[in-house]
Amino acid sequence: MPILGPINACSAMGLTSSFGLKGGFDPDKDIILTLQASELKTSYDSFYKVLHGLKCGAKIHCGSWSMIGGYSGPPEGTVLTTIAYALLSPIIHQAYSVSTNIMDMRYGGNPGRHAIWSNSVAVQALSRNTNLILQNITNQVSGPCTEHILYETAAGMINIAVSGASFSIGTRSAGGRYPNHITPLEIKFAGETLKASTGLTREEANEIVKELLPKYENYLRTPFIGKSYRECYDKEGQPISQWMDIYQKIKEELDNYLKFGKF
């Protein structure tokens, strides 16, 4: 499997010093990440990254978040800018794959009903009418060892699966705001939910998500931070019983809809 990176390269210099060099990212299998500013903007820094990728013979992944409450305005505006960005990326940045992500600036995430709707419409439009390789991400605001992060994850992953995205990446636990507030268990849950949702119709998925939203949407602006990795896992690298119990509870609840089976 490829590595998408370097994730933390804030500049082209960070990318060129780690991609295609001995001991660094391998252009034969790894994918260069180039992120652009919102909305519909690029920079010389992005072009430098693209040129380095082309010189190395690497595949290029582009991404830019459209923001509800930002330059695009309401949810409908973010749908249009997301589609426009996805269509322009292969032309301007030679993108092999494209992120189609929408964020709600009011709470810094996207598991709320407006962002779920925007992401679903944008991805459906692109998957139906193009051959682009599309990535979509669920950006949770609650942290590990809470029921809320799993409900947020489930709603987002169900939406991604039925809307036609090509792939997703793990979770953004606690909105990425706190050190070490991410654990393997919620990522495992995200993957299981994504796979279990692939057989749903959009109508079935819509009814499930409508059941999930009331369980967490009132807390999106005041989320439960949860616990850090060190608090959630013991010295042997196993999740504590409290976290496992929450995971099993939510998974059993969703199993009535999704039929997880074994992955």
C-alpha atoms as a PDB file:
ATOM      1  CA  MET A   1       0.000   0.000   0.000  1.00  0.00           C
ATOM      2  CA  PRO A   2       1.245   3.501  -0.724  1.00  0.00           C
ATOM      3  CA  ILE A   3       2.044   6.180   1.812  1.00  0.00           C
ATOM      4  CA  LEU A   4       0.457   9.568   1.219  1.00  0.00           C
ATOM      5  CA  GLY A   5       2.863  12.239   2.267  1.00  0.00           C
ATOM      6  CA  PRO A   6       4.767  13.997   3.543  1.00  0.00           C
ATOM      7  CA  ILE A   7       1.776  15.059   5.624  1.00  0.00           C
ATOM      8  CA  ASN A   8       3.622  17.647   7.710  1.00  0.00           C
ATOM      9  CA  ALA A   9       5.566  19.292   4.889  1.00  0.00           C
ATOM     10  CA  CYS A  10       4.486  22.911   5.224  1.00  0.00           C
ATOM     11  CA  SER A  11       6.558  23.983   2.239  1.00  0.00           C
ATOM     12  CA  ALA A  12       7.924  22.635  -1.014  1.00  0.00           C
ATOM     13  CA  MET A  13      11.335  22.371   0.629  1.00  0.00           C
ATOM     14  CA  GLY A  14       9.943  19.907   3.158  1.00  0.00           C
ATOM     15  CA  LEU A  15       8.608  17.756   0.326  1.00  0.00           C
ATOM     16  CA  THR A  16      11.638  17.899  -1.960  1.00  0.00           C
ATOM     17  CA  SER A  17      13.942  16.937   0.920  1.00  0.00           C
ATOM     18  CA  SER A  18      11.983  13.769   1.708  1.00  0.00           C
ATOM     19  CA  PHE A  19      10.392  12.491  -1.508  1.00  0.00           C
ATOM     20  CA  GLY A  20      12.355  10.544  -4.088  1.00  0.00           C
ATOM     21  CA  LEU A  21      15.565  10.511  -2.052  1.00  0.00           C
ATOM     22  CA  LYS A  22      17.348   7.508  -0.555  1.00  0.00           C
ATOM     23  CA  GLY A  23      15.567   6.541   2.667  1.00  0.00           C
ATOM     24  CA  GLY A  24      12.617   8.802   1.879  1.00  0.00           C
ATOM     25  CA  PHE A  25       9.277   8.319   0.161  1.00  0.00           C
ATOM     26  CA  ASP A  26       9.390   5.968  -2.818  1.00  0.00           C
ATOM     27  CA  PRO A  27       7.961   7.572  -5.996  1.00  0.00           C
ATOM     28  CA  ASP A  28       7.293   4.125  -7.486  1.00  0.00           C
ATOM     29  CA  LYS A  29       4.549   3.478  -4.920  1.00  0.00           C
ATOM     30  CA  ASP A  30       4.076   6.468  -2.615  1.00  0.00           C
ATOM     31  CA  ILE A  31       1.863   9.449  -3.455  1.00  0.00           C
ATOM     32  CA  ILE A  32       2.816  13.107  -3.124  1.00  0.00           C
ATOM     33  CA  LEU A  33       0.392  15.210  -1.097  1.00  0.00           C
ATOM     34  CA  THR A  34      -0.180  18.751  -2.308  1.00  0.00           C
ATOM     35  CA  LEU A  35      -2.735  20.844  -0.430  1.00  0.00           C
ATOM     36  CA  GLN A  36      -4.064  24.181  -1.619  1.00  0.00           C
ATOM     37  CA  ALA A  37      -5.696  27.061   0.230  1.00  0.00           C
ATOM     38  CA  SER A  38      -9.451  27.585   0.192  1.00  0.00           C
ATOM     39  CA  GLU A  39     -11.183  28.497  -2.029  1.00  0.00           C
ATOM     40  CA  LEU A  40      -9.972  27.660  -5.531  1.00  0.00           C
ATOM     41  CA  LYS A  41      -6.485  29.056  -4.965  1.00  0.00           C
ATOM     42  CA  THR A  42      -3.021  27.803  -5.763  1.00  0.00           C
ATOM     43  CA  SER A  43       0.526  28.991  -5.154  1.00  0.00           C
ATOM     44  CA  TYR A  44       4.063  28.723  -6.469  1.00  0.00           C
ATOM     45  CA  ASP A  45       4.729  26.427  -3.521  1.00  0.00           C
ATOM     46  CA  SER A  46       2.103  24.004  -4.852  1.00  0.00           C
ATOM     47  CA  PHE A  47       3.605  24.183  -8.330  1.00  0.00           C
ATOM     48  CA  TYR A  48       7.054  23.368  -6.938  1.00  0.00           C
ATOM     49  CA  LYS A  49       5.615  20.256  -5.277  1.00  0.00           C
ATOM     50  CA  VAL A  50       3.887  19.209  -8.491  1.00  0.00           C
ATOM     51  CA  LEU A  51       7.050  19.731 -10.550  1.00  0.00           C
ATOM     52  CA  HIS A  52       9.083  17.667  -8.098  1.00  0.00           C
ATOM     53  CA  GLY A  53       6.476  14.905  -8.265  1.00  0.00           C
ATOM     54  CA  LEU A  54       6.501  14.879 -12.052  1.00  0.00           C
ATOM     55  CA  LYS A  55      10.294  14.810 -12.100  1.00  0.00           C
ATOM     56  CA  CYS A  56      10.288  11.825  -9.718  1.00  0.00           C
ATOM     57  CA  GLY A  57       7.599  10.028 -11.692  1.00  0.00           C
ATOM     58  CA  ALA A  58       5.296   9.981  -8.658  1.00  0.00           C
ATOM     59  CA  LYS A  59       1.528  10.182  -8.513  1.00  0.00           C
ATOM     60  CA  ILE A  60       0.098  13.414  -7.114  1.00  0.00           C
ATOM     61  CA  HIS A  61      -2.815  13.806  -4.711  1.00  0.00           C
ATOM     62  CA  CYS A  62      -4.418  17.243  -4.364  1.00  0.00           C
ATOM     63  CA  GLY A  63      -6.718  18.535  -1.691  1.00  0.00           C
ATOM     64  CA  SER A  64      -8.431  21.712  -0.573  1.00  0.00           C
ATOM     65  CA  TRP A  65     -11.208  22.032   1.999  1.00  0.00           C
ATOM     66  CA  SER A  66     -14.283  24.041   1.093  1.00  0.00           C
ATOM     67  CA  MET A  67     -15.658  25.847   4.110  1.00  0.00           C
ATOM     68  CA  ILE A  68     -19.292  26.294   5.099  1.00  0.00           C
ATOM     69  CA  GLY A  69     -19.291  29.857   6.432  1.00  0.00           C
ATOM     70  CA  GLY A  70     -16.165  30.756   4.463  1.00  0.00           C
ATOM     71  CA  TYR A  71     -15.692  32.256   1.008  1.00  0.00           C
ATOM     72  CA  SER A  72     -18.162  29.759  -0.467  1.00  0.00           C
ATOM     73  CA  GLY A  73     -20.910  30.829   1.913  1.00  0.00           C
ATOM     74  CA  PRO A  74     -23.681  28.289   2.656  1.00  0.00           C
ATOM     75  CA  PRO A  75     -23.621  24.508   2.092  1.00  0.00           C
ATOM     76  CA  GLU A  76     -24.799  24.898  -1.505  1.00  0.00           C
ATOM     77  CA  GLY A  77     -21.826  27.157  -2.272  1.00  0.00           C
ATOM     78  CA  THR A  78     -19.333  24.638  -0.910  1.00  0.00           C
ATOM     79  CA  VAL A  79     -20.768  21.960  -3.183  1.00  0.00           C
ATOM     80  CA  LEU A  80     -20.042  24.131  -6.228  1.00  0.00           C
ATOM     81  CA  THR A  81     -16.506  25.058  -5.158  1.00  0.00           C
ATOM     82  CA  THR A  82     -15.695  21.431  -4.269  1.00  0.00           C
ATOM     83  CA  ILE A  83     -16.818  20.227  -7.691  1.00  0.00           C
ATOM     84  CA  ALA A  84     -14.922  23.026  -9.417  1.00  0.00           C
ATOM     85  CA  TYR A  85     -11.747  22.247  -7.462  1.00  0.00           C
ATOM     86  CA  ALA A  86     -11.951  18.543  -8.289  1.00  0.00           C
ATOM     87  CA  LEU A  87     -12.369  19.287 -12.003  1.00  0.00           C
ATOM     88  CA  LEU A  88      -9.496  21.773 -12.071  1.00  0.00           C
ATOM     89  CA  SER A  89      -6.968  19.732 -10.062  1.00  0.00           C
ATOM     90  CA  PRO A  90      -6.032  17.234 -12.829  1.00  0.00           C
ATOM     91  CA  ILE A  91      -5.535  20.138 -15.220  1.00  0.00           C
ATOM     92  CA  ILE A  92      -3.661  22.621 -13.048  1.00  0.00           C
ATOM     93  CA  HIS A  93      -1.866  20.297 -10.614  1.00  0.00           C
ATOM     94  CA  GLN A  94      -1.717  17.081 -12.643  1.00  0.00           C
ATOM     95  CA  ALA A  95      -3.644  15.321  -9.865  1.00  0.00           C
ATOM     96  CA  TYR A  96      -3.859  11.529  -9.891  1.00  0.00           C
ATOM     97  CA  SER A  97      -6.447  11.654  -7.083  1.00  0.00           C
ATOM     98  CA  VAL A  98      -8.401  14.477  -5.439  1.00  0.00           C
ATOM     99  CA  SER A  99      -9.782  15.240  -1.983  1.00  0.00           C
ATOM    100  CA  THR A 100     -13.393  16.420  -2.003  1.00  0.00           C
ATOM    101  CA  ASN A 101     -13.773  17.584   1.576  1.00  0.00           C
ATOM    102  CA  ILE A 102     -16.142  20.128   3.085  1.00  0.00           C
ATOM    103  CA  MET A 103     -15.780  21.576   6.577  1.00  0.00           C
ATOM    104  CA  ASP A 104     -18.270  23.492   8.706  1.00  0.00           C
ATOM    105  CA  MET A 105     -16.394  26.429  10.193  1.00  0.00           C
ATOM    106  CA  ARG A 106     -18.962  26.885  12.946  1.00  0.00           C
ATOM    107  CA  TYR A 107     -17.554  23.905  14.836  1.00  0.00           C
ATOM    108  CA  GLY A 108     -14.439  22.869  12.917  1.00  0.00           C
ATOM    109  CA  GLY A 109     -15.651  19.498  11.663  1.00  0.00           C
ATOM    110  CA  ASN A 110     -18.035  17.869   9.210  1.00  0.00           C
ATOM    111  CA  PRO A 111     -20.293  15.264  10.892  1.00  0.00           C
ATOM    112  CA  GLY A 112     -23.185  17.735  11.138  1.00  0.00           C
ATOM    113  CA  ARG A 113     -26.193  17.530   8.839  1.00  0.00           C
ATOM    114  CA  HIS A 114     -25.205  20.500   6.644  1.00  0.00           C
ATOM    115  CA  ALA A 115     -21.683  19.213   5.988  1.00  0.00           C
ATOM    116  CA  ILE A 116     -22.884  15.636   5.487  1.00  0.00           C
ATOM    117  CA  TRP A 117     -25.359  16.873   2.896  1.00  0.00           C
ATOM    118  CA  SER A 118     -22.721  18.996   1.136  1.00  0.00           C
ATOM    119  CA  ASN A 119     -20.158  16.203   1.041  1.00  0.00           C
ATOM    120  CA  SER A 120     -22.701  13.701  -0.223  1.00  0.00           C
ATOM    121  CA  VAL A 121     -23.987  15.889  -3.058  1.00  0.00           C
ATOM    122  CA  ALA A 122     -20.505  16.929  -4.213  1.00  0.00           C
ATOM    123  CA  VAL A 123     -19.151  13.362  -4.201  1.00  0.00           C
ATOM    124  CA  GLN A 124     -22.251  11.948  -5.898  1.00  0.00           C
ATOM    125  CA  ALA A 125     -22.033  14.534  -8.667  1.00  0.00           C
ATOM    126  CA  LEU A 126     -18.358  13.820  -9.301  1.00  0.00           C
ATOM    127  CA  SER A 127     -18.567  10.038  -9.033  1.00  0.00           C
ATOM    128  CA  ARG A 128     -21.547   9.927 -11.383  1.00  0.00           C
ATOM    129  CA  ASN A 129     -20.134  12.212 -14.058  1.00  0.00           C
ATOM    130  CA  THR A 130     -16.348  11.745 -13.958  1.00  0.00           C
ATOM    131  CA  ASN A 131     -13.722   9.026 -13.655  1.00  0.00           C
ATOM    132  CA  LEU A 132     -11.801  10.895 -10.945  1.00  0.00           C
ATOM    133  CA  ILE A 133     -10.334   9.022  -7.978  1.00  0.00           C
ATOM    134  CA  LEU A 134     -12.056  10.785  -5.083  1.00  0.00           C
ATOM    135  CA  GLN A 135     -11.111  10.912  -1.439  1.00  0.00           C
ATOM    136  CA  ASN A 136     -13.487  12.041   1.284  1.00  0.00           C
ATOM    137  CA  ILE A 137     -12.743  12.445   4.990  1.00  0.00           C
ATOM    138  CA  THR A 138     -14.846  12.505   8.148  1.00  0.00           C
ATOM    139  CA  ASN A 139     -13.498  15.159  10.514  1.00  0.00           C
ATOM    140  CA  GLN A 140     -14.847  14.294  13.964  1.00  0.00           C
ATOM    141  CA  VAL A 141     -14.838  16.780  16.821  1.00  0.00           C
ATOM    142  CA  SER A 142     -15.243  14.367  19.762  1.00  0.00           C
ATOM    143  CA  GLY A 143     -12.322  12.431  21.171  1.00  0.00           C
ATOM    144  CA  PRO A 144     -11.451   8.789  21.902  1.00  0.00           C
ATOM    145  CA  CYS A 145     -13.249   6.842  24.627  1.00  0.00           C
ATOM    146  CA  THR A 146     -16.572   8.592  23.967  1.00  0.00           C
ATOM    147  CA  GLU A 147     -19.713   7.332  22.294  1.00  0.00           C
ATOM    148  CA  HIS A 148     -19.938  10.542  20.298  1.00  0.00           C
ATOM    149  CA  ILE A 149     -16.813   9.992  18.224  1.00  0.00           C
ATOM    150  CA  LEU A 150     -18.138   6.624  17.057  1.00  0.00           C
ATOM    151  CA  TYR A 151     -21.548   8.042  16.182  1.00  0.00           C
ATOM    152  CA  GLU A 152     -19.861  10.871  14.246  1.00  0.00           C
ATOM    153  CA  THR A 153     -17.590   8.375  12.522  1.00  0.00           C
ATOM    154  CA  ALA A 154     -20.455   6.068  11.601  1.00  0.00           C
ATOM    155  CA  ALA A 155     -22.537   8.850  10.049  1.00  0.00           C
ATOM    156  CA  GLY A 156     -19.578  10.121   8.046  1.00  0.00           C
ATOM    157  CA  MET A 157     -18.363   6.732   6.834  1.00  0.00           C
ATOM    158  CA  ILE A 158     -21.842   5.588   5.816  1.00  0.00           C
ATOM    159  CA  ASN A 159     -22.199   8.788   3.806  1.00  0.00           C
ATOM    160  CA  ILE A 160     -18.800   8.305   2.146  1.00  0.00           C
ATOM    161  CA  ALA A 161     -19.546   4.693   1.208  1.00  0.00           C
ATOM    162  CA  VAL A 162     -22.877   5.296  -0.506  1.00  0.00           C
ATOM    163  CA  SER A 163     -22.022   8.623  -2.161  1.00  0.00           C
ATOM    164  CA  GLY A 164     -19.358   7.119  -4.398  1.00  0.00           C
ATOM    165  CA  ALA A 165     -16.006   8.184  -2.932  1.00  0.00           C
ATOM    166  CA  SER A 166     -13.103   5.991  -4.029  1.00  0.00           C
ATOM    167  CA  PHE A 167     -11.385   5.905  -0.651  1.00  0.00           C
ATOM    168  CA  SER A 168     -11.089   7.553   2.731  1.00  0.00           C
ATOM    169  CA  ILE A 169      -8.481   7.826   5.444  1.00  0.00           C
ATOM    170  CA  GLY A 170      -8.883   7.140   9.162  1.00  0.00           C
ATOM    171  CA  THR A 171     -10.301   9.505  11.720  1.00  0.00           C
ATOM    172  CA  ARG A 172      -9.499  13.030  12.821  1.00  0.00           C
ATOM    173  CA  SER A 173     -10.222  12.388  16.462  1.00  0.00           C
ATOM    174  CA  ALA A 174     -11.019  15.419  18.642  1.00  0.00           C
ATOM    175  CA  GLY A 175     -10.705  17.588  15.536  1.00  0.00           C
ATOM    176  CA  GLY A 176      -6.918  17.197  15.659  1.00  0.00           C
ATOM    177  CA  ARG A 177      -6.776  19.842  18.381  1.00  0.00           C
ATOM    178  CA  TYR A 178      -5.173  17.892  21.230  1.00  0.00           C
ATOM    179  CA  PRO A 179      -1.861  15.986  21.446  1.00  0.00           C
ATOM    180  CA  ASN A 180      -2.153  12.191  21.306  1.00  0.00           C
ATOM    181  CA  HIS A 181      -5.968  12.264  21.097  1.00  0.00           C
ATOM    182  CA  ILE A 182      -6.223   9.496  18.511  1.00  0.00           C
ATOM    183  CA  THR A 183      -6.262   5.724  19.021  1.00  0.00           C
ATOM    184  CA  PRO A 184      -6.326   2.644  16.777  1.00  0.00           C
ATOM    185  CA  LEU A 185      -9.777   1.581  17.983  1.00  0.00           C
ATOM    186  CA  GLU A 186     -11.798   4.395  16.419  1.00  0.00           C
ATOM    187  CA  ILE A 187      -9.806   3.963  13.202  1.00  0.00           C
ATOM    188  CA  LYS A 188     -10.631   0.246  13.210  1.00  0.00           C
ATOM    189  CA  PHE A 189     -14.281   1.156  13.750  1.00  0.00           C
ATOM    190  CA  ALA A 190     -14.150   3.613  10.845  1.00  0.00           C
ATOM    191  CA  GLY A 191     -12.805   0.967   8.476  1.00  0.00           C
ATOM    192  CA  GLU A 192     -15.338  -1.608   9.607  1.00  0.00           C
ATOM    193  CA  THR A 193     -18.201   0.846   9.171  1.00  0.00           C
ATOM    194  CA  LEU A 194     -17.029   1.918   5.716  1.00  0.00           C
ATOM    195  CA  LYS A 195     -16.822  -1.690   4.506  1.00  0.00           C
ATOM    196  CA  ALA A 196     -20.133  -2.675   6.095  1.00  0.00           C
ATOM    197  CA  SER A 197     -21.887   0.261   4.395  1.00  0.00           C
ATOM    198  CA  THR A 198     -20.938  -0.602   0.829  1.00  0.00           C
ATOM    199  CA  GLY A 199     -24.079  -2.687   0.298  1.00  0.00           C
ATOM    200  CA  LEU A 200     -26.485   0.051   1.376  1.00  0.00           C
ATOM    201  CA  THR A 201     -28.577   2.118  -0.977  1.00  0.00           C
ATOM    202  CA  ARG A 202     -28.521   5.878  -0.547  1.00  0.00           C
ATOM    203  CA  GLU A 203     -32.093   5.750   0.724  1.00  0.00           C
ATOM    204  CA  GLU A 204     -31.180   3.173   3.389  1.00  0.00           C
ATOM    205  CA  ALA A 205     -28.093   5.143   4.385  1.00  0.00           C
ATOM    206  CA  ASN A 206     -30.138   8.322   4.687  1.00  0.00           C
ATOM    207  CA  GLU A 207     -32.502   6.723   7.199  1.00  0.00           C
ATOM    208  CA  ILE A 208     -29.617   5.373   9.288  1.00  0.00           C
ATOM    209  CA  VAL A 209     -27.828   8.729   9.385  1.00  0.00           C
ATOM    210  CA  LYS A 210     -31.062  10.456  10.412  1.00  0.00           C
ATOM    211  CA  GLU A 211     -31.173   8.072  13.373  1.00  0.00           C
ATOM    212  CA  LEU A 212     -27.551   8.803  14.285  1.00  0.00           C
ATOM    213  CA  LEU A 213     -27.542  12.606  14.035  1.00  0.00           C
ATOM    214  CA  PRO A 214     -29.683  13.329  17.140  1.00  0.00           C
ATOM    215  CA  LYS A 215     -27.257  11.276  19.231  1.00  0.00           C
ATOM    216  CA  TYR A 216     -24.438  13.806  18.844  1.00  0.00           C
ATOM    217  CA  GLU A 217     -25.288  16.913  16.798  1.00  0.00           C
ATOM    218  CA  ASN A 218     -26.215  19.060  19.822  1.00  0.00           C
ATOM    219  CA  TYR A 219     -22.655  18.616  21.092  1.00  0.00           C
ATOM    220  CA  LEU A 220     -20.722  19.519  17.949  1.00  0.00           C
ATOM    221  CA  ARG A 221     -19.837  22.994  19.246  1.00  0.00           C
ATOM    222  CA  THR A 222     -19.069  21.719  22.755  1.00  0.00           C
ATOM    223  CA  PRO A 223     -17.628  18.270  22.041  1.00  0.00           C
ATOM    224  CA  PHE A 224     -16.450  15.697  24.543  1.00  0.00           C
ATOM    225  CA  ILE A 225     -12.648  15.675  24.369  1.00  0.00           C
ATOM    226  CA  GLY A 226     -12.358  12.119  25.666  1.00  0.00           C
ATOM    227  CA  LYS A 227      -8.999  10.615  26.572  1.00  0.00           C
ATOM    228  CA  SER A 228      -5.517  10.513  25.104  1.00  0.00           C
ATOM    229  CA  TYR A 229      -3.910   7.375  23.701  1.00  0.00           C
ATOM    230  CA  ARG A 230      -1.973   6.770  26.934  1.00  0.00           C
ATOM    231  CA  GLU A 231      -5.214   6.940  28.913  1.00  0.00           C
ATOM    232  CA  CYS A 232      -7.079   4.670  26.471  1.00  0.00           C
ATOM    233  CA  TYR A 233      -4.437   1.948  26.102  1.00  0.00           C
ATOM    234  CA  ASP A 234      -2.495  -0.102  28.640  1.00  0.00           C
ATOM    235  CA  LYS A 235       1.239  -0.851  28.679  1.00  0.00           C
ATOM    236  CA  GLU A 236       0.713  -3.916  26.468  1.00  0.00           C
ATOM    237  CA  GLY A 237      -0.853  -1.737  23.763  1.00  0.00           C
ATOM    238  CA  GLN A 238      -4.409  -2.983  24.364  1.00  0.00           C
ATOM    239  CA  PRO A 239      -7.481  -0.743  24.771  1.00  0.00           C
ATOM    240  CA  ILE A 240      -8.773  -0.346  28.312  1.00  0.00           C
ATOM    241  CA  SER A 241     -12.061  -2.035  29.186  1.00  0.00           C
ATOM    242  CA  GLN A 242     -14.009   1.248  29.236  1.00  0.00           C
ATOM    243  CA  TRP A 243     -13.022   2.030  25.637  1.00  0.00           C
ATOM    244  CA  MET A 244     -13.665  -1.522  24.466  1.00  0.00           C
ATOM    245  CA  ASP A 245     -17.096  -1.522  26.115  1.00  0.00           C
ATOM    246  CA  ILE A 246     -18.058   1.693  24.287  1.00  0.00           C
ATOM    247  CA  TYR A 247     -16.798   0.266  20.999  1.00  0.00           C
ATOM    248  CA  GLN A 248     -18.736  -2.979  21.449  1.00  0.00           C
ATOM    249  CA  LYS A 249     -21.899  -1.149  22.480  1.00  0.00           C
ATOM    250  CA  ILE A 250     -21.981   1.157  19.436  1.00  0.00           C
ATOM    251  CA  LYS A 251     -20.968  -1.629  17.081  1.00  0.00           C
ATOM    252  CA  GLU A 252     -23.767  -3.884  18.350  1.00  0.00           C
ATOM    253  CA  GLU A 253     -26.215  -0.996  17.991  1.00  0.00           C
ATOM    254  CA  LEU A 254     -25.143  -0.392  14.386  1.00  0.00           C
ATOM    255  CA  ASP A 255     -25.076  -4.086  13.596  1.00  0.00           C
ATOM    256  CA  ASN A 256     -28.869  -3.943  13.394  1.00  0.00           C
ATOM    257  CA  TYR A 257     -28.396  -1.787  10.284  1.00  0.00           C
ATOM    258  CA  LEU A 258     -25.035  -2.731   8.819  1.00  0.00           C
ATOM    259  CA  LYS A 259     -24.349  -6.424   9.574  1.00  0.00           C
ATOM    260  CA  PHE A 260     -20.646  -5.959  10.217  1.00  0.00           C
ATOM    261  CA  GLY A 261     -19.633  -9.601   9.999  1.00  0.00           C
ATOM    262  CA  LYS A 262     -15.887 -10.218  10.156  1.00  0.00           C
ATOM    263  CA  PHE A 263     -13.293  -8.124   8.311  1.00  0.00           C
END
